[in-house]
Amino acid sequence: MTEQDKPKHVAEVNAADSRDGQAPDPQPHERQAPAEEAAAAAALDTAGGAMQPSAVPVSAQSGTVPGGAETLVRRIFTGSGMVSVLAVLLALILGGLLIASTDKQVGATASYLFARPSDFLSAVWNAATRSYIALFQGSVFNPKGSSVAVQFAPLMETLTIATPLITAGLGVALAFRAGLFNIGAQGQIIMAGILAAWVGFALHLPLGLHLLLVLVAGIVGGAIWGGLVGLLKARTGAHEVILTIMFNYIALYFLRYLLNTPAFQRPGESNPISPILDPTAVYPQIFGTQYRLHLGFVLAIAATVLVWWLLNRSTVGFEFRAVGANPKAALTAGINVPRATVLVMAIAGALAGMSGVAQVAGTEKVLTDGVAATYGFDAITVALLGRSTPWGTFAAGLLFGAFRAGAVQMQIQTGTPIDIVLVVQSLIVLFIAAPPLVRAVFGLNPRKKKAATVGKSQKAATTGGAA
């Protein structure tokens, strides 16, 4: 279109702008979009004229609705730590219902449930609370004890049982943070127990030095057994889950073989059991002979602090976390991923090895084929419950130690089977693995609530009225 073809008034305006040294105004359809955007922003800011304009323009606001899903309280209750707490609570509730289902009084009141439902509900409540009170008395504090020492004996037993769970859980958690699945804590505990026990009963050394060598031998045994897995993965690309599971079986059957050889079998015994460790090779008991709690618990606290520092304050820990987040990006950034893989598995094995030392030098004082019990597998649950954080794993180890310590007392007082505790532990794992399920049960799903709140705000702004 030429200048002669334009309408007369448009040509005159353009000519006037040209004489003033300014560019011609855009065409009317080009001016419409900014006007529409301004009108939409004003409508959203004032809710269609129903409110006064805000001091901060709507375009500069963050979009967070005050009092909505992103409030401080909601962020607390939807965080990973709170989800873990709620998972434990939900597992205890379902465990209580399972306990009630096996109670005789509940079965008796169920026969006339619709006639007197209060009797049935009271029986369910009594059955669950009675079992959990017994669990508490057997794991934390027993007010029926004849003395203060007897009253706090359950707590000491809980800490004793929790010690190998904490250190083995730290080994699993550290590997998780580096993107590796250390399913081999069981085998690492066994290998550490073998070396620590041999040093403990075969060598006769002075007090202090002997115990130090026992601890070093156990840590080295676990580190070698875990480091071999890391080396095979780094060199051959084999999956660490398969490797660690196979290494568990190798360690177990190697232990059973050794306990039937003259080097490890106790003289005069036909059972697979080693000689008793020398008194200079065992952990001292913290509060005397009245409790089984030993120095291993103090070392477990020190290991927790060490792992926290390693992950959050050291260069090596940063490399572990970078490899766990994205191995390819870490390799591009110059991190030696194979070296990090070997190192993290060796450290994880060393932490699990501390559990083996705690068993042979602290609790059992001998080596048997049940030295690892199920600590290596329970450590996986502990690490999951602790969200693979050092202090979270420490707290989870205490919780599972309390479950183990109180289960016996619960069965003695109420007749509740010990297997109920295993069911509760399994439910905890289930709920930890499904955080959206826990949030949905407690109505704490942040995404749905946020979408609903934002949707209501937008509807109020576009319709020109309050929601």
Protein backbone atom coordinates (compact mmCIF):
# COMPACT_ATOMS: atom_id res chain seq x y z
CA MET A 1 0.00 0.00 0.00
CA THR A 2 1.43 3.40 -1.03
CA GLU A 3 1.11 6.73 0.72
CA GLN A 4 -1.58 7.78 -1.75
CA ASP A 5 -3.69 4.72 -0.90
CA LYS A 6 -3.82 5.47 2.84
CA PRO A 7 -6.81 7.24 4.36
CA LYS A 8 -6.39 10.96 4.51
CA HIS A 9 -6.42 11.34 8.33
CA VAL A 10 -3.85 8.56 8.81
CA ALA A 11 -1.53 10.14 6.29
CA GLU A 12 -1.85 13.53 8.02
CA VAL A 13 -1.00 12.04 11.47
CA ASN A 14 2.00 10.20 10.10
CA ALA A 15 3.21 13.30 8.35
CA ALA A 16 2.94 15.32 11.58
CA ASP A 17 4.91 12.72 13.53
CA SER A 18 7.56 12.66 10.86
CA ARG A 19 7.93 16.43 11.05
CA ASP A 20 8.48 16.18 14.85
CA GLY A 21 11.24 13.60 14.37
CA GLN A 22 9.23 10.77 15.94
CA ALA A 23 8.34 7.40 14.52
CA PRO A 24 4.78 6.93 13.35
CA ASP A 25 2.29 5.43 15.84
CA PRO A 26 1.51 1.77 15.41
CA GLN A 27 -1.69 0.73 13.77
CA PRO A 28 -4.84 0.42 15.91
CA HIS A 29 -4.73 -3.39 16.00
CA GLU A 30 -1.13 -3.24 17.30
CA ARG A 31 -2.19 -0.98 20.21
CA GLN A 32 -4.93 -3.40 21.29
CA ALA A 33 -2.76 -6.12 22.88
CA PRO A 34 -1.07 -3.90 25.54
CA ALA A 35 -4.43 -2.40 26.40
CA GLU A 36 -5.94 -5.83 26.90
CA GLU A 37 -3.00 -6.91 29.08
CA ALA A 38 -3.34 -3.79 31.24
CA ALA A 39 -7.08 -4.34 31.63
CA ALA A 40 -6.55 -8.01 32.60
CA ALA A 41 -3.86 -7.05 35.12
CA ALA A 42 -6.12 -4.38 36.63
CA ALA A 43 -9.03 -6.82 36.83
CA LEU A 44 -6.85 -9.43 38.56
CA ASP A 45 -5.44 -6.82 40.95
CA THR A 46 -8.83 -5.41 41.96
CA ALA A 47 -10.93 -8.58 41.55
CA GLY A 48 -13.00 -6.93 38.86
CA GLY A 49 -13.42 -3.64 40.72
CA ALA A 50 -14.52 -5.20 44.01
CA MET A 51 -11.26 -4.28 45.79
CA GLN A 52 -8.87 -1.34 45.94
CA PRO A 53 -5.69 -1.63 43.82
CA SER A 54 -2.73 -3.09 45.69
CA ALA A 55 0.39 -1.09 46.42
CA VAL A 56 2.51 -3.61 44.52
CA PRO A 57 1.47 -4.15 40.90
CA VAL A 58 0.11 -7.60 40.17
CA SER A 59 2.82 -8.17 37.56
CA ALA A 60 5.48 -7.80 40.25
CA GLN A 61 3.82 -10.15 42.73
CA SER A 62 5.04 -13.73 43.25
CA GLY A 63 1.69 -15.34 42.57
CA THR A 64 1.51 -16.98 46.00
CA VAL A 65 -1.92 -16.68 47.51
CA PRO A 66 -1.71 -15.51 51.14
CA GLY A 67 -2.87 -18.20 53.50
CA GLY A 68 -2.80 -20.78 50.70
CA ALA A 69 -0.89 -23.98 50.12
CA GLU A 70 2.56 -22.47 50.44
CA THR A 71 2.21 -21.14 53.97
CA LEU A 72 4.87 -21.97 56.54
CA VAL A 73 2.66 -24.44 58.40
CA ARG A 74 1.80 -26.33 55.23
CA ARG A 75 5.44 -26.49 54.16
CA ILE A 76 6.29 -27.96 57.57
CA PHE A 77 3.55 -30.58 57.43
CA THR A 78 4.33 -31.59 53.85
CA GLY A 79 8.10 -31.79 54.33
CA SER A 80 9.96 -35.07 54.12
CA GLY A 81 10.65 -35.17 57.88
CA MET A 82 6.99 -34.73 58.78
CA VAL A 83 5.99 -37.32 56.19
CA SER A 84 8.29 -39.80 57.94
CA VAL A 85 6.67 -39.03 61.29
CA LEU A 86 3.20 -39.40 59.82
CA ALA A 87 4.23 -42.67 58.15
CA VAL A 88 5.23 -44.06 61.55
CA LEU A 89 1.98 -42.81 63.09
CA LEU A 90 -0.11 -44.37 60.33
CA ALA A 91 1.76 -47.67 60.68
CA LEU A 92 1.10 -47.67 64.43
CA ILE A 93 -2.60 -47.02 63.84
CA LEU A 94 -2.90 -49.90 61.40
CA GLY A 95 -0.81 -52.08 63.70
CA GLY A 96 -3.19 -51.27 66.54
CA LEU A 97 -6.13 -52.35 64.43
CA LEU A 98 -4.33 -55.60 63.63
CA ILE A 99 -3.66 -56.18 67.34
CA ALA A 100 -7.32 -55.56 68.09
CA SER A 101 -8.39 -58.03 65.43
CA THR A 102 -6.60 -60.85 67.28
CA ASP A 103 -7.87 -59.87 70.74
CA LYS A 104 -10.41 -62.19 72.38
CA GLN A 105 -12.39 -59.39 74.03
CA VAL A 106 -12.76 -57.61 70.70
CA GLY A 107 -14.05 -60.82 69.16
CA ALA A 108 -16.56 -61.23 71.96
CA THR A 109 -17.93 -57.70 71.68
CA ALA A 110 -18.09 -57.95 67.88
CA SER A 111 -20.93 -60.48 68.25
CA TYR A 112 -23.28 -57.75 69.48
CA LEU A 113 -21.63 -54.82 67.65
CA PHE A 114 -24.87 -53.18 66.44
CA ALA A 115 -26.58 -53.54 69.81
CA ARG A 116 -23.82 -51.89 71.82
CA PRO A 117 -21.10 -50.45 69.52
CA SER A 118 -19.48 -48.63 72.44
CA ASP A 119 -18.36 -51.95 73.92
CA PHE A 120 -16.70 -52.93 70.67
CA LEU A 121 -14.90 -49.60 70.26
CA SER A 122 -13.78 -49.65 73.87
CA ALA A 123 -12.40 -53.18 73.45
CA VAL A 124 -10.49 -52.15 70.31
CA TRP A 125 -9.01 -49.14 72.09
CA ASN A 126 -8.03 -51.14 75.16
CA ALA A 127 -6.39 -53.90 73.13
CA ALA A 128 -4.27 -51.48 71.09
CA THR A 129 -3.29 -49.17 73.93
CA ARG A 130 -2.50 -52.04 76.29
CA SER A 131 -0.05 -53.51 73.77
CA TYR A 132 1.61 -50.20 72.99
CA ILE A 133 1.94 -49.34 76.68
CA ALA A 134 3.69 -52.66 77.19
CA LEU A 135 5.90 -51.87 74.20
CA PHE A 136 6.81 -48.53 75.78
CA GLN A 137 7.52 -50.08 79.15
CA GLY A 138 9.77 -52.67 77.55
CA SER A 139 11.73 -50.17 75.47
CA VAL A 140 11.84 -46.80 77.25
CA PHE A 141 10.73 -46.73 80.88
CA ASN A 142 9.15 -49.24 83.21
CA PRO A 143 7.46 -47.48 86.14
CA LYS A 144 6.86 -50.83 87.84
CA GLY A 145 10.57 -51.39 88.40
CA SER A 146 11.79 -51.92 91.95
CA SER A 147 14.55 -49.32 91.59
CA VAL A 148 15.62 -46.50 89.31
CA ALA A 149 18.17 -48.77 87.66
CA VAL A 150 15.49 -51.33 86.84
CA GLN A 151 13.11 -48.64 85.60
CA PHE A 152 15.65 -47.34 83.06
CA ALA A 153 16.90 -50.79 82.06
CA PRO A 154 14.54 -50.89 79.01
CA LEU A 155 16.05 -47.65 77.68
CA MET A 156 19.57 -49.03 78.05
CA GLU A 157 18.52 -52.17 76.17
CA THR A 158 17.00 -50.05 73.40
CA LEU A 159 20.25 -48.10 72.99
CA THR A 160 22.23 -51.35 72.95
CA ILE A 161 20.11 -52.88 70.20
CA ALA A 162 20.05 -49.60 68.27
CA THR A 163 23.85 -49.32 68.11
CA PRO A 164 24.48 -51.74 65.19
CA LEU A 165 21.32 -50.49 63.48
CA ILE A 166 22.60 -46.90 63.51
CA THR A 167 26.07 -47.60 62.12
CA ALA A 168 24.85 -50.06 59.49
CA GLY A 169 22.05 -47.65 58.57
CA LEU A 170 24.61 -44.88 58.10
CA GLY A 171 26.49 -47.08 55.64
CA VAL A 172 23.34 -47.71 53.62
CA ALA A 173 22.30 -44.04 53.81
CA LEU A 174 25.70 -42.80 52.62
CA ALA A 175 25.53 -45.06 49.59
CA PHE A 176 21.98 -43.88 48.89
CA ARG A 177 23.16 -40.26 48.85
CA ALA A 178 25.72 -41.22 46.21
CA GLY A 179 23.10 -42.93 44.07
CA LEU A 180 24.14 -46.47 45.04
CA PHE A 181 22.01 -49.21 46.62
CA ASN A 182 24.10 -50.86 49.31
CA ILE A 183 22.14 -54.04 50.00
CA GLY A 184 25.31 -55.67 51.30
CA ALA A 185 25.47 -54.35 54.85
CA GLN A 186 24.73 -57.90 56.04
CA GLY A 187 27.85 -59.30 54.42
CA GLN A 188 29.95 -56.33 55.50
CA ILE A 189 28.90 -56.89 59.13
CA ILE A 190 29.85 -60.57 58.86
CA MET A 191 33.28 -59.92 57.37
CA ALA A 192 33.98 -57.25 59.98
CA GLY A 193 32.89 -59.65 62.72
CA ILE A 194 35.23 -62.36 61.40
CA LEU A 195 38.33 -60.17 61.46
CA ALA A 196 37.44 -58.40 64.70
CA ALA A 197 36.72 -61.68 66.50
CA TRP A 198 39.95 -63.31 65.29
CA VAL A 199 42.03 -60.38 66.52
CA GLY A 200 40.08 -60.49 69.76
CA PHE A 201 40.66 -64.15 70.69
CA ALA A 202 43.82 -65.06 68.73
CA LEU A 203 46.02 -62.13 69.73
CA HIS A 204 46.85 -61.33 73.33
CA LEU A 205 47.75 -57.69 73.66
CA PRO A 206 47.67 -55.00 76.37
CA LEU A 207 44.49 -53.17 77.31
CA GLY A 208 43.67 -50.30 74.96
CA LEU A 209 45.89 -51.45 72.10
CA HIS A 210 44.03 -54.73 71.80
CA LEU A 211 40.61 -53.07 71.61
CA LEU A 212 41.92 -50.51 69.12
CA LEU A 213 43.19 -53.27 66.83
CA VAL A 214 39.85 -55.08 67.11
CA LEU A 215 38.03 -51.92 66.03
CA VAL A 216 40.47 -51.25 63.18
CA ALA A 217 40.28 -54.86 61.98
CA GLY A 218 36.48 -54.74 61.85
CA ILE A 219 36.40 -51.40 60.03
CA VAL A 220 39.00 -52.59 57.51
CA GLY A 221 37.10 -55.85 56.95
CA GLY A 222 33.87 -54.05 56.20
CA ALA A 223 35.63 -51.45 54.04
CA ILE A 224 37.34 -54.11 51.92
CA TRP A 225 34.10 -56.05 51.44
CA GLY A 226 32.23 -52.91 50.42
CA GLY A 227 35.11 -51.49 48.39
CA LEU A 228 35.27 -54.67 46.28
CA VAL A 229 31.68 -54.05 45.20
CA GLY A 230 32.52 -50.45 44.28
CA LEU A 231 35.59 -51.59 42.36
CA LEU A 232 33.66 -54.19 40.35
CA LYS A 233 30.97 -51.65 39.54
CA ALA A 234 33.49 -49.00 38.51
CA ARG A 235 35.57 -51.37 36.37
CA THR A 236 32.94 -53.65 34.85
CA GLY A 237 29.67 -51.72 35.21
CA ALA A 238 28.05 -54.57 37.17
CA HIS A 239 25.02 -53.50 39.17
CA GLU A 240 25.74 -53.00 42.87
CA VAL A 241 22.46 -54.59 43.98
CA ILE A 242 23.34 -57.95 42.42
CA LEU A 243 26.92 -57.70 43.64
CA THR A 244 26.02 -56.91 47.23
CA ILE A 245 23.39 -59.64 47.45
CA MET A 246 25.86 -62.21 46.17
CA PHE A 247 28.55 -60.92 48.52
CA ASN A 248 26.13 -61.43 51.42
CA TYR A 249 25.90 -65.14 50.63
CA ILE A 250 29.65 -65.45 50.14
CA ALA A 251 30.30 -63.86 53.54
CA LEU A 252 27.70 -66.02 55.31
CA TYR A 253 28.93 -69.35 53.96
CA PHE A 254 32.55 -68.32 54.46
CA LEU A 255 31.72 -67.64 58.13
CA ARG A 256 30.05 -71.03 58.50
CA TYR A 257 33.08 -72.71 56.98
CA LEU A 258 35.48 -70.91 59.31
CA LEU A 259 33.47 -71.81 62.42
CA ASN A 260 34.06 -75.47 61.62
CA THR A 261 37.83 -75.11 61.34
CA PRO A 262 40.32 -75.42 64.21
CA ALA A 263 41.34 -71.79 63.77
CA PHE A 264 37.88 -70.47 64.71
CA GLN A 265 35.97 -73.25 66.49
CA ARG A 266 36.14 -73.25 70.27
CA PRO A 267 38.13 -76.23 71.57
CA GLY A 268 35.92 -78.99 72.93
CA GLU A 269 32.79 -77.64 71.22
CA SER A 270 30.87 -79.31 68.42
CA ASN A 271 28.71 -76.25 67.79
CA PRO A 272 29.92 -73.56 65.37
CA ILE A 273 31.10 -71.01 67.92
CA SER A 274 34.41 -69.23 68.40
CA PRO A 275 36.44 -68.82 71.58
CA ILE A 276 35.46 -65.97 73.88
CA LEU A 277 37.26 -62.71 73.17
CA ASP A 278 39.91 -61.60 75.63
CA PRO A 279 38.73 -59.11 78.27
CA THR A 280 41.15 -56.57 76.77
CA ALA A 281 39.39 -56.86 73.39
CA VAL A 282 35.81 -56.06 74.40
CA TYR A 283 34.01 -52.74 74.65
CA PRO A 284 33.72 -51.40 78.20
CA GLN A 285 30.19 -51.04 79.50
CA ILE A 286 29.22 -47.39 79.95
CA PHE A 287 27.08 -47.69 83.09
CA GLY A 288 28.59 -50.78 84.66
CA THR A 289 27.71 -54.44 84.49
CA GLN A 290 24.02 -53.87 85.31
CA TYR A 291 23.39 -52.79 81.70
CA ARG A 292 24.60 -54.15 78.36
CA LEU A 293 25.12 -50.67 76.90
CA HIS A 294 28.73 -50.38 75.80
CA LEU A 295 31.21 -48.02 74.17
CA GLY A 296 29.85 -48.88 70.73
CA PHE A 297 26.93 -46.51 71.25
CA VAL A 298 29.30 -43.58 71.81
CA LEU A 299 31.14 -44.57 68.62
CA ALA A 300 27.79 -44.68 66.80
CA ILE A 301 27.15 -41.06 67.82
CA ALA A 302 30.65 -40.13 66.64
CA ALA A 303 30.02 -41.92 63.33
CA THR A 304 26.80 -39.95 62.86
CA VAL A 305 28.64 -36.66 63.38
CA LEU A 306 31.40 -37.81 61.02
CA VAL A 307 28.98 -38.74 58.24
CA TRP A 308 27.14 -35.41 58.68
CA TRP A 309 30.43 -33.54 58.34
CA LEU A 310 31.49 -35.68 55.39
CA LEU A 311 28.30 -35.02 53.45
CA ASN A 312 27.79 -31.36 54.30
CA ARG A 313 31.22 -29.88 54.98
CA SER A 314 33.77 -31.79 52.92
CA THR A 315 34.79 -31.80 49.26
CA VAL A 316 34.54 -35.58 49.12
CA GLY A 317 30.97 -35.43 50.39
CA PHE A 318 30.10 -32.86 47.75
CA GLU A 319 31.45 -35.23 45.11
CA PHE A 320 29.36 -38.07 46.54
CA ARG A 321 26.20 -35.95 46.41
CA ALA A 322 27.01 -34.70 42.90
CA VAL A 323 27.50 -38.25 41.64
CA GLY A 324 24.26 -39.29 43.30
CA ALA A 325 22.35 -36.39 41.71
CA ASN A 326 23.68 -36.88 38.17
CA PRO A 327 26.74 -39.04 37.40
CA LYS A 328 27.06 -37.74 33.84
CA ALA A 329 26.97 -34.12 34.93
CA ALA A 330 29.48 -34.88 37.69
CA LEU A 331 31.80 -36.50 35.17
CA THR A 332 31.48 -33.48 32.89
CA ALA A 333 32.32 -31.21 35.82
CA GLY A 334 35.61 -33.07 36.34
CA ILE A 335 34.64 -35.42 39.17
CA ASN A 336 36.24 -38.86 39.01
CA VAL A 337 33.05 -40.93 39.17
CA PRO A 338 34.72 -44.39 39.32
CA ARG A 339 36.94 -43.25 42.19
CA ALA A 340 33.94 -41.80 44.02
CA THR A 341 32.05 -45.08 43.53
CA VAL A 342 34.84 -47.16 45.06
CA LEU A 343 35.38 -44.69 47.88
CA VAL A 344 31.74 -44.35 48.90
CA MET A 345 31.24 -48.13 48.97
CA ALA A 346 34.41 -48.55 51.03
CA ILE A 347 33.26 -45.96 53.57
CA ALA A 348 29.77 -47.49 53.64
CA GLY A 349 31.34 -50.90 54.31
CA ALA A 350 33.49 -49.43 57.07
CA LEU A 351 30.41 -47.99 58.79
CA ALA A 352 28.65 -51.35 58.54
CA GLY A 353 31.84 -52.93 59.85
CA MET A 354 31.42 -50.93 63.04
CA SER A 355 28.19 -52.87 63.55
CA GLY A 356 30.10 -56.13 63.29
CA VAL A 357 32.57 -54.94 65.91
CA ALA A 358 29.71 -53.85 68.17
CA GLN A 359 28.27 -57.35 67.95
CA VAL A 360 31.39 -59.40 68.64
CA ALA A 361 33.21 -56.98 70.98
CA GLY A 362 30.24 -55.35 72.64
CA THR A 363 27.13 -57.51 72.86
CA GLU A 364 27.99 -61.15 72.14
CA LYS A 365 31.75 -61.31 72.89
CA VAL A 366 31.93 -64.41 70.68
CA LEU A 367 31.56 -65.12 66.96
CA THR A 368 28.65 -67.26 65.73
CA ASP A 369 26.93 -67.68 62.39
CA GLY A 370 24.18 -65.37 63.68
CA VAL A 371 26.53 -62.49 64.39
CA ALA A 372 24.77 -60.21 61.90
CA ALA A 373 21.24 -61.39 62.80
CA THR A 374 19.07 -59.25 60.49
CA TYR A 375 20.83 -55.96 61.23
CA GLY A 376 22.11 -55.60 57.68
CA PHE A 377 18.65 -55.85 56.16
CA ASP A 378 17.01 -53.76 58.88
CA ALA A 379 19.60 -51.08 58.13
CA ILE A 380 17.96 -50.56 54.74
CA THR A 381 14.67 -49.77 56.46
CA VAL A 382 16.44 -47.50 58.95
CA ALA A 383 18.10 -45.54 56.15
CA LEU A 384 14.82 -45.20 54.26
CA LEU A 385 12.98 -43.99 57.36
CA GLY A 386 15.80 -41.54 58.07
CA ARG A 387 15.54 -40.14 54.52
CA SER A 388 19.23 -41.03 54.05
CA THR A 389 20.28 -38.19 56.36
CA PRO A 390 22.75 -38.86 59.20
CA TRP A 391 20.60 -37.63 62.09
CA GLY A 392 17.42 -38.99 60.55
CA THR A 393 19.09 -42.40 60.33
CA PHE A 394 20.22 -42.06 63.95
CA ALA A 395 16.64 -41.37 65.09
CA ALA A 396 15.27 -44.21 62.95
CA GLY A 397 17.81 -46.58 64.49
CA LEU A 398 16.61 -45.63 67.96
CA LEU A 399 12.99 -46.24 66.92
CA PHE A 400 13.70 -49.68 65.52
CA GLY A 401 15.83 -50.49 68.54
CA ALA A 402 12.83 -49.63 70.71
CA PHE A 403 10.61 -51.89 68.62
CA ARG A 404 12.98 -54.81 69.08
CA ALA A 405 13.53 -54.23 72.78
CA GLY A 406 9.85 -53.75 73.61
CA ALA A 407 8.45 -56.56 71.48
CA VAL A 408 9.37 -59.23 74.02
CA GLN A 409 7.76 -57.36 76.90
CA MET A 410 4.67 -56.72 74.79
CA GLN A 411 4.28 -60.44 74.18
CA ILE A 412 4.83 -61.30 77.85
CA GLN A 413 2.31 -58.78 79.22
CA THR A 414 -0.44 -58.93 76.62
CA GLY A 415 0.19 -62.08 74.60
CA THR A 416 0.55 -60.04 71.41
CA PRO A 417 2.79 -61.90 68.94
CA ILE A 418 6.22 -60.40 68.28
CA ASP A 419 5.44 -60.63 64.57
CA ILE A 420 3.12 -57.64 65.00
CA VAL A 421 6.24 -55.49 65.40
CA LEU A 422 7.54 -56.83 62.11
CA VAL A 423 4.23 -55.92 60.49
CA VAL A 424 4.50 -52.37 61.84
CA GLN A 425 8.06 -52.09 60.51
CA SER A 426 6.92 -53.34 57.11
CA LEU A 427 4.08 -50.82 57.04
CA ILE A 428 6.55 -48.05 57.84
CA VAL A 429 8.64 -49.06 54.83
CA LEU A 430 5.52 -49.14 52.67
CA PHE A 431 4.43 -45.64 53.67
CA ILE A 432 7.94 -44.20 53.49
CA ALA A 433 8.15 -45.44 49.91
CA ALA A 434 4.83 -43.74 49.05
CA PRO A 435 4.81 -40.16 50.44
CA PRO A 436 1.82 -39.11 48.28
CA LEU A 437 -0.21 -41.85 49.96
CA VAL A 438 0.63 -40.51 53.42
CA ARG A 439 -0.18 -36.94 52.37
CA ALA A 440 -3.47 -38.08 50.86
CA VAL A 441 -4.47 -39.95 54.05
CA PHE A 442 -3.84 -36.86 56.20
CA GLY A 443 -5.12 -34.39 53.58
CA LEU A 444 -1.75 -32.70 53.06
CA ASN A 445 -1.39 -32.86 49.28
CA PRO A 446 0.11 -29.44 48.45
CA ARG A 447 -0.29 -29.57 44.68
CA LYS A 448 -4.02 -30.18 44.60
CA LYS A 449 -4.73 -27.54 47.23
CA LYS A 450 -2.51 -25.02 45.47
CA ALA A 451 -4.20 -25.64 42.13
CA ALA A 452 -7.64 -25.28 43.71
CA THR A 453 -6.70 -22.01 45.44
CA VAL A 454 -5.17 -20.48 42.35
CA GLY A 455 -8.16 -21.59 40.29
CA LYS A 456 -10.57 -19.85 42.66
CA SER A 457 -8.51 -16.64 42.56
CA GLN A 458 -8.43 -16.58 38.79
CA LYS A 459 -12.16 -17.22 38.61
CA ALA A 460 -12.82 -14.35 41.02
CA ALA A 461 -10.65 -12.02 38.95
CA THR A 462 -12.24 -12.88 35.63
CA THR A 463 -15.84 -12.81 36.85
CA GLY A 464 -15.38 -9.54 38.73
CA GLY A 465 -16.71 -10.82 42.04
CA ALA A 466 -15.44 -12.33 45.27
CA ALA A 467 -14.90 -16.11 45.33
